[in-house]
Amino acid sequence: MLDVVTWTVDPAIFTIFTREIRWYGLFFAIGFLLGYQIEDKIFKHDNAPAGWCDKIFIYVVIATVIGSRLGHCLFYGWEYYSAHPLDIFKIWEGGLASHGGAIGIIIALLIYSKRVTHRNPLWAFDRLVIPVALVGALIRTGNLMNHEIFGHPTDLPWGFRFIENLHQWHYLGAEPIFTAPSHPTQIYEAICYIIVFILLMYMYWKRNAGDRPGLIFGVFLIGIFLSRFCIEFLKNNQEDFEENMILNMGQLLSIPFVLAGIYLAIRAMKQPIVSGRIENIKPKQK
């Protein structure tokens, strides 16, 4: 039988001029760098014009940061941020929501498709979500390093004691129960996202799923947000207002994404195959 892990990793790698450089930020950055490399190979495989990958990277980075921050403020902390609107800009204090990031990316790709590719937005969605699944796994690893977003008490042998984060620890009266390990839900989600990433890579490179507009995007939405929906049953609530809810905010926000994914996947399988390769694009005249 495995021993329970007492998680004592320092969230900060080092400190520069009183500012901590955290593992979370490092994993976030690594995710974007790896994502760019994967996306670049995909765009080259589809003969996309030079510059398309650089532009989508810029759109996505900006949309992820803005969308994640606004998602947290609107979905999880509106009561506070509506009274302190300037604090919305204090990203360094923490508070990002993946559903907000997803909405931000969707809006950004609609704009990107209209301004850059002039193609069906599903072309960009199908190709972008492949590395996004990997980025999601790395971000959840960052949550693990931050001792945050973990689960209910468990007697399973792989439980983690997150003793560094008393704010999220399980309380009995006024005393924290240090003897009750928690579900390491960050690891559960990271594993699910890696599985989705591997599946999407297989679909694109081995099954030519990029020629069925919306199929990869649909499978991504189902795999990521259905995993999130299920794992939320094991998580601690992120905000006090969720205590009396049958489904928490993360689950309610996941349902539309799962339904959209099912619709897109079914629709894609019924539509004729359309080559995803970019052909006959002439350079602009200077």
C-alpha atoms as a PDB file:
ATOM      1  CA  MET A   1       0.000   0.000   0.000  1.00  0.00           C
ATOM      2  CA  LEU A   2       1.220   3.515  -0.861  1.00  0.00           C
ATOM      3  CA  ASP A   3       1.998   5.976   1.916  1.00  0.00           C
ATOM      4  CA  VAL A   4       0.064   9.206   2.140  1.00  0.00           C
ATOM      5  CA  VAL A   5       2.049  12.136   0.706  1.00  0.00           C
ATOM      6  CA  THR A   6       2.623  15.158   2.914  1.00  0.00           C
ATOM      7  CA  TRP A   7       2.950  17.905   0.310  1.00  0.00           C
ATOM      8  CA  THR A   8       5.400  20.541   1.516  1.00  0.00           C
ATOM      9  CA  VAL A   9       6.850  21.833  -1.751  1.00  0.00           C
ATOM     10  CA  ASP A  10       7.565  25.568  -1.662  1.00  0.00           C
ATOM     11  CA  PRO A  11       5.301  27.314  -4.223  1.00  0.00           C
ATOM     12  CA  ALA A  12       8.101  29.806  -4.916  1.00  0.00           C
ATOM     13  CA  ILE A  13      11.203  28.825  -6.876  1.00  0.00           C
ATOM     14  CA  PHE A  14      13.125  31.916  -5.755  1.00  0.00           C
ATOM     15  CA  THR A  15      12.580  35.579  -4.918  1.00  0.00           C
ATOM     16  CA  ILE A  16      13.786  38.642  -6.831  1.00  0.00           C
ATOM     17  CA  PHE A  17      13.475  42.045  -5.142  1.00  0.00           C
ATOM     18  CA  THR A  18      10.731  40.757  -2.812  1.00  0.00           C
ATOM     19  CA  ARG A  19       8.768  39.352  -5.782  1.00  0.00           C
ATOM     20  CA  GLU A  20       8.323  35.574  -5.778  1.00  0.00           C
ATOM     21  CA  ILE A  21       8.893  33.587  -8.969  1.00  0.00           C
ATOM     22  CA  ARG A  22       6.497  30.681  -8.589  1.00  0.00           C
ATOM     23  CA  TRP A  23       6.275  27.217 -10.073  1.00  0.00           C
ATOM     24  CA  TYR A  24       2.761  28.068 -11.246  1.00  0.00           C
ATOM     25  CA  GLY A  25       4.032  30.852 -13.467  1.00  0.00           C
ATOM     26  CA  LEU A  26       6.848  28.654 -14.766  1.00  0.00           C
ATOM     27  CA  PHE A  27       4.481  25.841 -15.747  1.00  0.00           C
ATOM     28  CA  PHE A  28       2.142  28.401 -17.331  1.00  0.00           C
ATOM     29  CA  ALA A  29       5.030  29.753 -19.437  1.00  0.00           C
ATOM     30  CA  ILE A  30       6.293  26.269 -20.359  1.00  0.00           C
ATOM     31  CA  GLY A  31       2.795  25.371 -21.469  1.00  0.00           C
ATOM     32  CA  PHE A  32       2.613  28.295 -23.857  1.00  0.00           C
ATOM     33  CA  LEU A  33       6.109  27.629 -25.241  1.00  0.00           C
ATOM     34  CA  LEU A  34       5.398  23.942 -25.864  1.00  0.00           C
ATOM     35  CA  GLY A  35       1.987  24.844 -27.239  1.00  0.00           C
ATOM     36  CA  TYR A  36       3.555  27.206 -29.734  1.00  0.00           C
ATOM     37  CA  GLN A  37       5.968  24.524 -30.953  1.00  0.00           C
ATOM     38  CA  ILE A  38       3.165  22.006 -31.437  1.00  0.00           C
ATOM     39  CA  GLU A  39       0.944  24.559 -33.151  1.00  0.00           C
ATOM     40  CA  ASP A  40       3.762  25.605 -35.472  1.00  0.00           C
ATOM     41  CA  LYS A  41       4.201  22.005 -36.662  1.00  0.00           C
ATOM     42  CA  ILE A  42       0.457  21.660 -37.219  1.00  0.00           C
ATOM     43  CA  PHE A  43       0.238  24.900 -39.188  1.00  0.00           C
ATOM     44  CA  LYS A  44       3.203  23.887 -41.353  1.00  0.00           C
ATOM     45  CA  HIS A  45       1.616  20.486 -41.956  1.00  0.00           C
ATOM     46  CA  ASP A  46      -1.491  22.263 -43.243  1.00  0.00           C
ATOM     47  CA  ASN A  47       0.556  24.622 -45.407  1.00  0.00           C
ATOM     48  CA  ALA A  48      -0.649  27.680 -43.483  1.00  0.00           C
ATOM     49  CA  PRO A  49       0.997  30.971 -44.495  1.00  0.00           C
ATOM     50  CA  ALA A  50       3.958  32.229 -42.516  1.00  0.00           C
ATOM     51  CA  GLY A  51       2.802  34.450 -39.714  1.00  0.00           C
ATOM     52  CA  TRP A  52      -0.487  32.710 -38.974  1.00  0.00           C
ATOM     53  CA  CYS A  53       0.989  30.777 -36.057  1.00  0.00           C
ATOM     54  CA  ASP A  54       2.660  33.833 -34.541  1.00  0.00           C
ATOM     55  CA  LYS A  55      -0.587  35.788 -34.740  1.00  0.00           C
ATOM     56  CA  ILE A  56      -2.740  33.063 -33.190  1.00  0.00           C
ATOM     57  CA  PHE A  57      -0.201  32.764 -30.365  1.00  0.00           C
ATOM     58  CA  ILE A  58      -0.542  36.481 -29.576  1.00  0.00           C
ATOM     59  CA  TYR A  59      -4.337  36.328 -29.734  1.00  0.00           C
ATOM     60  CA  VAL A  60      -4.467  33.316 -27.427  1.00  0.00           C
ATOM     61  CA  VAL A  61      -1.997  34.601 -24.812  1.00  0.00           C
ATOM     62  CA  ILE A  62      -3.883  37.888 -24.452  1.00  0.00           C
ATOM     63  CA  ALA A  63      -7.293  36.181 -24.464  1.00  0.00           C
ATOM     64  CA  THR A  64      -6.229  33.583 -21.890  1.00  0.00           C
ATOM     65  CA  VAL A  65      -4.971  36.145 -19.378  1.00  0.00           C
ATOM     66  CA  ILE A  66      -7.871  38.571 -19.793  1.00  0.00           C
ATOM     67  CA  GLY A  67     -10.545  35.873 -20.026  1.00  0.00           C
ATOM     68  CA  SER A  68      -9.246  33.869 -17.066  1.00  0.00           C
ATOM     69  CA  ARG A  69      -9.025  36.941 -14.870  1.00  0.00           C
ATOM     70  CA  LEU A  70     -12.448  38.304 -15.799  1.00  0.00           C
ATOM     71  CA  GLY A  71     -13.915  34.813 -15.443  1.00  0.00           C
ATOM     72  CA  HIS A  72     -12.662  34.584 -11.873  1.00  0.00           C
ATOM     73  CA  CYS A  73     -13.941  38.059 -11.020  1.00  0.00           C
ATOM     74  CA  LEU A  74     -17.375  37.541 -12.599  1.00  0.00           C
ATOM     75  CA  PHE A  75     -18.065  33.884 -11.767  1.00  0.00           C
ATOM     76  CA  TYR A  76     -16.391  33.486  -8.387  1.00  0.00           C
ATOM     77  CA  GLY A  77     -15.846  36.912  -6.844  1.00  0.00           C
ATOM     78  CA  TRP A  78     -18.369  39.362  -8.276  1.00  0.00           C
ATOM     79  CA  GLU A  79     -19.576  40.506  -4.856  1.00  0.00           C
ATOM     80  CA  TYR A  80     -16.064  41.657  -3.976  1.00  0.00           C
ATOM     81  CA  TYR A  81     -14.834  42.902  -7.355  1.00  0.00           C
ATOM     82  CA  SER A  82     -18.010  44.846  -8.116  1.00  0.00           C
ATOM     83  CA  ALA A  83     -17.206  46.879  -4.994  1.00  0.00           C
ATOM     84  CA  HIS A  84     -13.443  47.021  -5.718  1.00  0.00           C
ATOM     85  CA  PRO A  85     -13.179  47.192  -9.546  1.00  0.00           C
ATOM     86  CA  LEU A  86      -9.550  48.326  -9.568  1.00  0.00           C
ATOM     87  CA  ASP A  87      -8.548  45.062  -7.875  1.00  0.00           C
ATOM     88  CA  ILE A  88      -9.538  43.250 -11.063  1.00  0.00           C
ATOM     89  CA  PHE A  89      -6.195  44.377 -12.495  1.00  0.00           C
ATOM     90  CA  LYS A  90      -4.202  42.821  -9.618  1.00  0.00           C
ATOM     91  CA  ILE A  91      -3.533  39.545 -11.404  1.00  0.00           C
ATOM     92  CA  TRP A  92      -0.373  38.987  -9.361  1.00  0.00           C
ATOM     93  CA  GLU A  93      -2.550  38.439  -6.295  1.00  0.00           C
ATOM     94  CA  GLY A  94      -4.053  35.320  -7.886  1.00  0.00           C
ATOM     95  CA  GLY A  95      -7.466  34.437  -9.223  1.00  0.00           C
ATOM     96  CA  LEU A  96      -7.831  32.879 -12.691  1.00  0.00           C
ATOM     97  CA  ALA A  97     -10.764  30.791 -13.943  1.00  0.00           C
ATOM     98  CA  SER A  98     -10.354  28.237 -16.727  1.00  0.00           C
ATOM     99  CA  HIS A  99     -13.916  28.689 -17.985  1.00  0.00           C
ATOM    100  CA  GLY A 100     -13.282  32.405 -18.396  1.00  0.00           C
ATOM    101  CA  GLY A 101     -10.082  31.587 -20.266  1.00  0.00           C
ATOM    102  CA  ALA A 102     -12.023  29.253 -22.571  1.00  0.00           C
ATOM    103  CA  ILE A 103     -14.591  31.947 -23.342  1.00  0.00           C
ATOM    104  CA  GLY A 104     -11.813  34.454 -23.966  1.00  0.00           C
ATOM    105  CA  ILE A 105     -10.064  32.096 -26.394  1.00  0.00           C
ATOM    106  CA  ILE A 106     -13.312  31.397 -28.262  1.00  0.00           C
ATOM    107  CA  ILE A 107     -13.919  35.123 -28.768  1.00  0.00           C
ATOM    108  CA  ALA A 108     -10.285  35.658 -29.785  1.00  0.00           C
ATOM    109  CA  LEU A 109     -10.377  32.870 -32.380  1.00  0.00           C
ATOM    110  CA  LEU A 110     -13.577  34.219 -33.906  1.00  0.00           C
ATOM    111  CA  ILE A 111     -11.819  37.568 -34.350  1.00  0.00           C
ATOM    112  CA  TYR A 112      -8.625  35.840 -35.543  1.00  0.00           C
ATOM    113  CA  SER A 113     -10.521  33.840 -38.162  1.00  0.00           C
ATOM    114  CA  LYS A 114     -12.246  36.940 -39.484  1.00  0.00           C
ATOM    115  CA  ARG A 115      -9.150  39.139 -39.568  1.00  0.00           C
ATOM    116  CA  VAL A 116      -6.376  36.645 -40.399  1.00  0.00           C
ATOM    117  CA  THR A 117      -7.421  33.319 -41.938  1.00  0.00           C
ATOM    118  CA  HIS A 118     -10.740  34.327 -43.562  1.00  0.00           C
ATOM    119  CA  ARG A 119     -11.787  30.714 -43.083  1.00  0.00           C
ATOM    120  CA  ASN A 120     -14.411  28.840 -41.114  1.00  0.00           C
ATOM    121  CA  PRO A 121     -13.448  29.440 -37.438  1.00  0.00           C
ATOM    122  CA  LEU A 122     -13.598  25.671 -36.851  1.00  0.00           C
ATOM    123  CA  TRP A 123     -10.344  25.350 -38.820  1.00  0.00           C
ATOM    124  CA  ALA A 124      -8.525  27.365 -36.152  1.00  0.00           C
ATOM    125  CA  PHE A 125     -10.406  25.795 -33.242  1.00  0.00           C
ATOM    126  CA  ASP A 126      -9.571  22.248 -34.356  1.00  0.00           C
ATOM    127  CA  ARG A 127      -5.878  23.028 -34.505  1.00  0.00           C
ATOM    128  CA  LEU A 128      -5.519  25.212 -31.441  1.00  0.00           C
ATOM    129  CA  VAL A 129      -7.227  22.961 -28.895  1.00  0.00           C
ATOM    130  CA  ILE A 130      -4.661  20.196 -29.381  1.00  0.00           C
ATOM    131  CA  PRO A 131      -1.855  22.009 -27.506  1.00  0.00           C
ATOM    132  CA  VAL A 132      -4.390  23.734 -25.223  1.00  0.00           C
ATOM    133  CA  ALA A 133      -5.134  20.343 -23.628  1.00  0.00           C
ATOM    134  CA  LEU A 134      -1.444  19.999 -22.750  1.00  0.00           C
ATOM    135  CA  VAL A 135      -1.312  23.560 -21.418  1.00  0.00           C
ATOM    136  CA  GLY A 136      -4.281  22.749 -19.181  1.00  0.00           C
ATOM    137  CA  ALA A 137      -2.391  19.794 -17.695  1.00  0.00           C
ATOM    138  CA  LEU A 138       0.633  21.992 -16.940  1.00  0.00           C
ATOM    139  CA  ILE A 139      -1.543  24.660 -15.320  1.00  0.00           C
ATOM    140  CA  ARG A 140      -3.102  22.051 -13.045  1.00  0.00           C
ATOM    141  CA  THR A 141       0.428  20.940 -12.149  1.00  0.00           C
ATOM    142  CA  GLY A 142       1.054  24.559 -11.208  1.00  0.00           C
ATOM    143  CA  ASN A 143      -2.019  24.428  -8.949  1.00  0.00           C
ATOM    144  CA  LEU A 144      -0.481  21.395  -7.267  1.00  0.00           C
ATOM    145  CA  MET A 145       2.721  23.328  -6.626  1.00  0.00           C
ATOM    146  CA  ASN A 146       0.611  26.165  -5.204  1.00  0.00           C
ATOM    147  CA  HIS A 147      -1.169  23.824  -2.739  1.00  0.00           C
ATOM    148  CA  GLU A 148      -4.544  24.925  -4.147  1.00  0.00           C
ATOM    149  CA  ILE A 149      -7.751  23.560  -5.699  1.00  0.00           C
ATOM    150  CA  PHE A 150      -7.551  20.183  -3.962  1.00  0.00           C
ATOM    151  CA  GLY A 151     -10.286  17.811  -2.901  1.00  0.00           C
ATOM    152  CA  HIS A 152     -12.281  16.452  -0.006  1.00  0.00           C
ATOM    153  CA  PRO A 153     -10.762  14.238   2.705  1.00  0.00           C
ATOM    154  CA  THR A 154     -10.003  10.694   1.554  1.00  0.00           C
ATOM    155  CA  ASP A 155      -8.706   7.473   3.068  1.00  0.00           C
ATOM    156  CA  LEU A 156      -7.296   6.338  -0.283  1.00  0.00           C
ATOM    157  CA  PRO A 157      -3.565   5.559  -0.146  1.00  0.00           C
ATOM    158  CA  TRP A 158      -2.644   8.283  -2.654  1.00  0.00           C
ATOM    159  CA  GLY A 159      -4.175  11.106  -0.612  1.00  0.00           C
ATOM    160  CA  PHE A 160      -2.135  14.302  -0.130  1.00  0.00           C
ATOM    161  CA  ARG A 161      -1.807  16.365   3.036  1.00  0.00           C
ATOM    162  CA  PHE A 162      -1.727  19.984   1.844  1.00  0.00           C
ATOM    163  CA  ILE A 163      -0.627  21.361   5.193  1.00  0.00           C
ATOM    164  CA  GLU A 164       0.811  24.588   3.759  1.00  0.00           C
ATOM    165  CA  ASN A 165      -2.597  25.941   2.727  1.00  0.00           C
ATOM    166  CA  LEU A 166      -4.658  26.374   5.883  1.00  0.00           C
ATOM    167  CA  HIS A 167      -7.187  28.531   4.044  1.00  0.00           C
ATOM    168  CA  GLN A 168      -8.372  25.540   2.031  1.00  0.00           C
ATOM    169  CA  TRP A 169      -7.820  22.889   4.678  1.00  0.00           C
ATOM    170  CA  HIS A 170     -10.686  20.882   6.118  1.00  0.00           C
ATOM    171  CA  TYR A 171     -11.970  22.269   9.367  1.00  0.00           C
ATOM    172  CA  LEU A 172     -13.824  20.616  12.232  1.00  0.00           C
ATOM    173  CA  GLY A 173     -15.038  23.478  14.366  1.00  0.00           C
ATOM    174  CA  ALA A 174     -12.012  25.752  14.630  1.00  0.00           C
ATOM    175  CA  GLU A 175      -9.315  23.097  14.368  1.00  0.00           C
ATOM    176  CA  PRO A 176      -7.750  21.960  11.089  1.00  0.00           C
ATOM    177  CA  ILE A 177      -7.778  18.190  10.629  1.00  0.00           C
ATOM    178  CA  PHE A 178      -4.147  17.617   9.682  1.00  0.00           C
ATOM    179  CA  THR A 179      -4.618  13.846   9.844  1.00  0.00           C
ATOM    180  CA  ALA A 180      -7.153  13.754   6.986  1.00  0.00           C
ATOM    181  CA  PRO A 181      -5.454  13.544   3.571  1.00  0.00           C
ATOM    182  CA  SER A 182      -7.191  15.093   0.562  1.00  0.00           C
ATOM    183  CA  HIS A 183      -7.888  13.992  -2.985  1.00  0.00           C
ATOM    184  CA  PRO A 184      -5.096  15.469  -5.164  1.00  0.00           C
ATOM    185  CA  THR A 185      -7.648  16.638  -7.719  1.00  0.00           C
ATOM    186  CA  GLN A 186      -5.016  18.710  -9.518  1.00  0.00           C
ATOM    187  CA  ILE A 187      -3.296  15.439 -10.466  1.00  0.00           C
ATOM    188  CA  TYR A 188      -6.603  13.835 -11.471  1.00  0.00           C
ATOM    189  CA  GLU A 189      -7.349  16.703 -13.850  1.00  0.00           C
ATOM    190  CA  ALA A 190      -3.800  16.853 -15.217  1.00  0.00           C
ATOM    191  CA  ILE A 191      -3.924  13.144 -16.075  1.00  0.00           C
ATOM    192  CA  CYS A 192      -7.306  13.540 -17.800  1.00  0.00           C
ATOM    193  CA  TYR A 193      -6.038  16.483 -19.839  1.00  0.00           C
ATOM    194  CA  ILE A 194      -2.920  14.615 -20.916  1.00  0.00           C
ATOM    195  CA  ILE A 195      -5.106  11.726 -22.083  1.00  0.00           C
ATOM    196  CA  VAL A 196      -7.227  14.181 -24.080  1.00  0.00           C
ATOM    197  CA  PHE A 197      -4.058  15.711 -25.553  1.00  0.00           C
ATOM    198  CA  ILE A 198      -2.769  12.299 -26.670  1.00  0.00           C
ATOM    199  CA  LEU A 199      -6.167  11.449 -28.171  1.00  0.00           C
ATOM    200  CA  LEU A 200      -6.342  14.717 -30.103  1.00  0.00           C
ATOM    201  CA  MET A 201      -2.790  14.283 -31.412  1.00  0.00           C
ATOM    202  CA  TYR A 202      -3.719  10.795 -32.608  1.00  0.00           C
ATOM    203  CA  MET A 203      -6.890  12.085 -34.256  1.00  0.00           C
ATOM    204  CA  TYR A 204      -5.046  14.846 -36.095  1.00  0.00           C
ATOM    205  CA  TRP A 205      -1.846  13.066 -37.155  1.00  0.00           C
ATOM    206  CA  LYS A 206      -3.087   9.491 -37.655  1.00  0.00           C
ATOM    207  CA  ARG A 207      -6.796   9.791 -38.492  1.00  0.00           C
ATOM    208  CA  ASN A 208      -6.817  13.075 -40.462  1.00  0.00           C
ATOM    209  CA  ALA A 209      -9.539  14.415 -38.173  1.00  0.00           C
ATOM    210  CA  GLY A 210      -8.554  17.946 -39.169  1.00  0.00           C
ATOM    211  CA  ASP A 211     -10.451  17.288 -42.408  1.00  0.00           C
ATOM    212  CA  ARG A 212     -13.722  17.044 -40.474  1.00  0.00           C
ATOM    213  CA  PRO A 213     -14.380  20.616 -39.295  1.00  0.00           C
ATOM    214  CA  GLY A 214     -15.365  20.729 -35.642  1.00  0.00           C
ATOM    215  CA  LEU A 215     -14.566  17.114 -34.761  1.00  0.00           C
ATOM    216  CA  ILE A 216     -11.329  17.730 -32.857  1.00  0.00           C
ATOM    217  CA  PHE A 217     -12.810  20.798 -31.176  1.00  0.00           C
ATOM    218  CA  GLY A 218     -15.897  18.823 -30.154  1.00  0.00           C
ATOM    219  CA  VAL A 219     -13.891  15.952 -28.681  1.00  0.00           C
ATOM    220  CA  PHE A 220     -11.741  18.483 -26.821  1.00  0.00           C
ATOM    221  CA  LEU A 221     -14.778  20.147 -25.241  1.00  0.00           C
ATOM    222  CA  ILE A 222     -16.251  16.799 -24.193  1.00  0.00           C
ATOM    223  CA  GLY A 223     -12.987  15.402 -22.840  1.00  0.00           C
ATOM    224  CA  ILE A 224     -11.859  18.487 -20.932  1.00  0.00           C
ATOM    225  CA  PHE A 225     -15.124  19.735 -19.491  1.00  0.00           C
ATOM    226  CA  LEU A 226     -16.707  16.355 -18.765  1.00  0.00           C
ATOM    227  CA  SER A 227     -13.560  15.487 -16.809  1.00  0.00           C
ATOM    228  CA  ARG A 228     -13.820  18.807 -14.998  1.00  0.00           C
ATOM    229  CA  PHE A 229     -17.517  18.235 -14.249  1.00  0.00           C
ATOM    230  CA  CYS A 230     -16.893  14.815 -12.717  1.00  0.00           C
ATOM    231  CA  ILE A 231     -13.799  15.745 -10.709  1.00  0.00           C
ATOM    232  CA  GLU A 232     -15.624  18.748  -9.215  1.00  0.00           C
ATOM    233  CA  PHE A 233     -17.609  16.272  -7.087  1.00  0.00           C
ATOM    234  CA  LEU A 234     -14.351  15.546  -5.240  1.00  0.00           C
ATOM    235  CA  LYS A 235     -13.159  19.156  -4.916  1.00  0.00           C
ATOM    236  CA  ASN A 236     -13.541  21.676  -2.154  1.00  0.00           C
ATOM    237  CA  ASN A 237     -15.759  24.575  -3.140  1.00  0.00           C
ATOM    238  CA  GLN A 238     -13.783  27.589  -4.282  1.00  0.00           C
ATOM    239  CA  GLU A 239     -16.162  30.168  -2.797  1.00  0.00           C
ATOM    240  CA  ASP A 240     -18.563  30.252   0.153  1.00  0.00           C
ATOM    241  CA  PHE A 241     -21.641  30.846  -2.018  1.00  0.00           C
ATOM    242  CA  GLU A 242     -21.226  27.341  -3.511  1.00  0.00           C
ATOM    243  CA  GLU A 243     -21.904  25.587  -0.196  1.00  0.00           C
ATOM    244  CA  ASN A 244     -25.660  25.207  -0.729  1.00  0.00           C
ATOM    245  CA  MET A 245     -25.535  24.516  -4.465  1.00  0.00           C
ATOM    246  CA  ILE A 246     -26.335  21.044  -5.827  1.00  0.00           C
ATOM    247  CA  LEU A 247     -23.804  21.608  -8.604  1.00  0.00           C
ATOM    248  CA  ASN A 248     -20.996  24.079  -7.999  1.00  0.00           C
ATOM    249  CA  MET A 249     -20.058  26.933 -10.299  1.00  0.00           C
ATOM    250  CA  GLY A 250     -17.383  24.921 -12.105  1.00  0.00           C
ATOM    251  CA  GLN A 251     -19.910  22.218 -12.955  1.00  0.00           C
ATOM    252  CA  LEU A 252     -22.611  24.642 -14.088  1.00  0.00           C
ATOM    253  CA  LEU A 253     -20.128  26.388 -16.364  1.00  0.00           C
ATOM    254  CA  SER A 254     -18.903  23.052 -17.772  1.00  0.00           C
ATOM    255  CA  ILE A 255     -22.325  21.805 -18.921  1.00  0.00           C
ATOM    256  CA  PRO A 256     -22.705  24.184 -21.927  1.00  0.00           C
ATOM    257  CA  PHE A 257     -19.203  23.291 -23.134  1.00  0.00           C
ATOM    258  CA  VAL A 258     -19.939  19.543 -22.973  1.00  0.00           C
ATOM    259  CA  LEU A 259     -23.237  19.969 -24.839  1.00  0.00           C
ATOM    260  CA  ALA A 260     -21.521  22.118 -27.481  1.00  0.00           C
ATOM    261  CA  GLY A 261     -18.839  19.447 -27.855  1.00  0.00           C
ATOM    262  CA  ILE A 262     -21.402  16.689 -28.399  1.00  0.00           C
ATOM    263  CA  TYR A 263     -23.182  18.793 -31.017  1.00  0.00           C
ATOM    264  CA  LEU A 264     -19.952  19.629 -32.865  1.00  0.00           C
ATOM    265  CA  ALA A 265     -18.697  16.029 -32.870  1.00  0.00           C
ATOM    266  CA  ILE A 266     -22.004  14.617 -34.178  1.00  0.00           C
ATOM    267  CA  ARG A 267     -22.292  17.389 -36.765  1.00  0.00           C
ATOM    268  CA  ALA A 268     -18.723  16.849 -37.968  1.00  0.00           C
ATOM    269  CA  MET A 269     -19.286  13.141 -38.549  1.00  0.00           C
ATOM    270  CA  LYS A 270     -22.362  13.882 -40.674  1.00  0.00           C
ATOM    271  CA  GLN A 271     -20.699  16.527 -42.830  1.00  0.00           C
ATOM    272  CA  PRO A 272     -18.573  15.761 -45.914  1.00  0.00           C
ATOM    273  CA  ILE A 273     -14.805  15.675 -45.514  1.00  0.00           C
ATOM    274  CA  VAL A 274     -13.093  18.993 -46.293  1.00  0.00           C
ATOM    275  CA  SER A 275      -9.322  19.188 -46.685  1.00  0.00           C
ATOM    276  CA  GLY A 276      -7.714  21.246 -43.960  1.00  0.00           C
ATOM    277  CA  ARG A 277      -4.677  22.142 -46.069  1.00  0.00           C
ATOM    278  CA  ILE A 278      -4.380  25.752 -47.174  1.00  0.00           C
ATOM    279  CA  GLU A 279      -4.127  26.003 -50.925  1.00  0.00           C
ATOM    280  CA  ASN A 280      -3.778  28.792 -53.445  1.00  0.00           C
ATOM    281  CA  ILE A 281      -3.295  31.715 -51.045  1.00  0.00           C
ATOM    282  CA  LYS A 282      -1.484  34.449 -52.893  1.00  0.00           C
ATOM    283  CA  PRO A 283       0.728  36.909 -51.000  1.00  0.00           C
ATOM    284  CA  LYS A 284      -0.604  40.442 -50.745  1.00  0.00           C
ATOM    285  CA  GLN A 285       0.750  42.916 -53.277  1.00  0.00           C
ATOM    286  CA  LYS A 286       2.910  45.633 -51.755  1.00  0.00           C
END
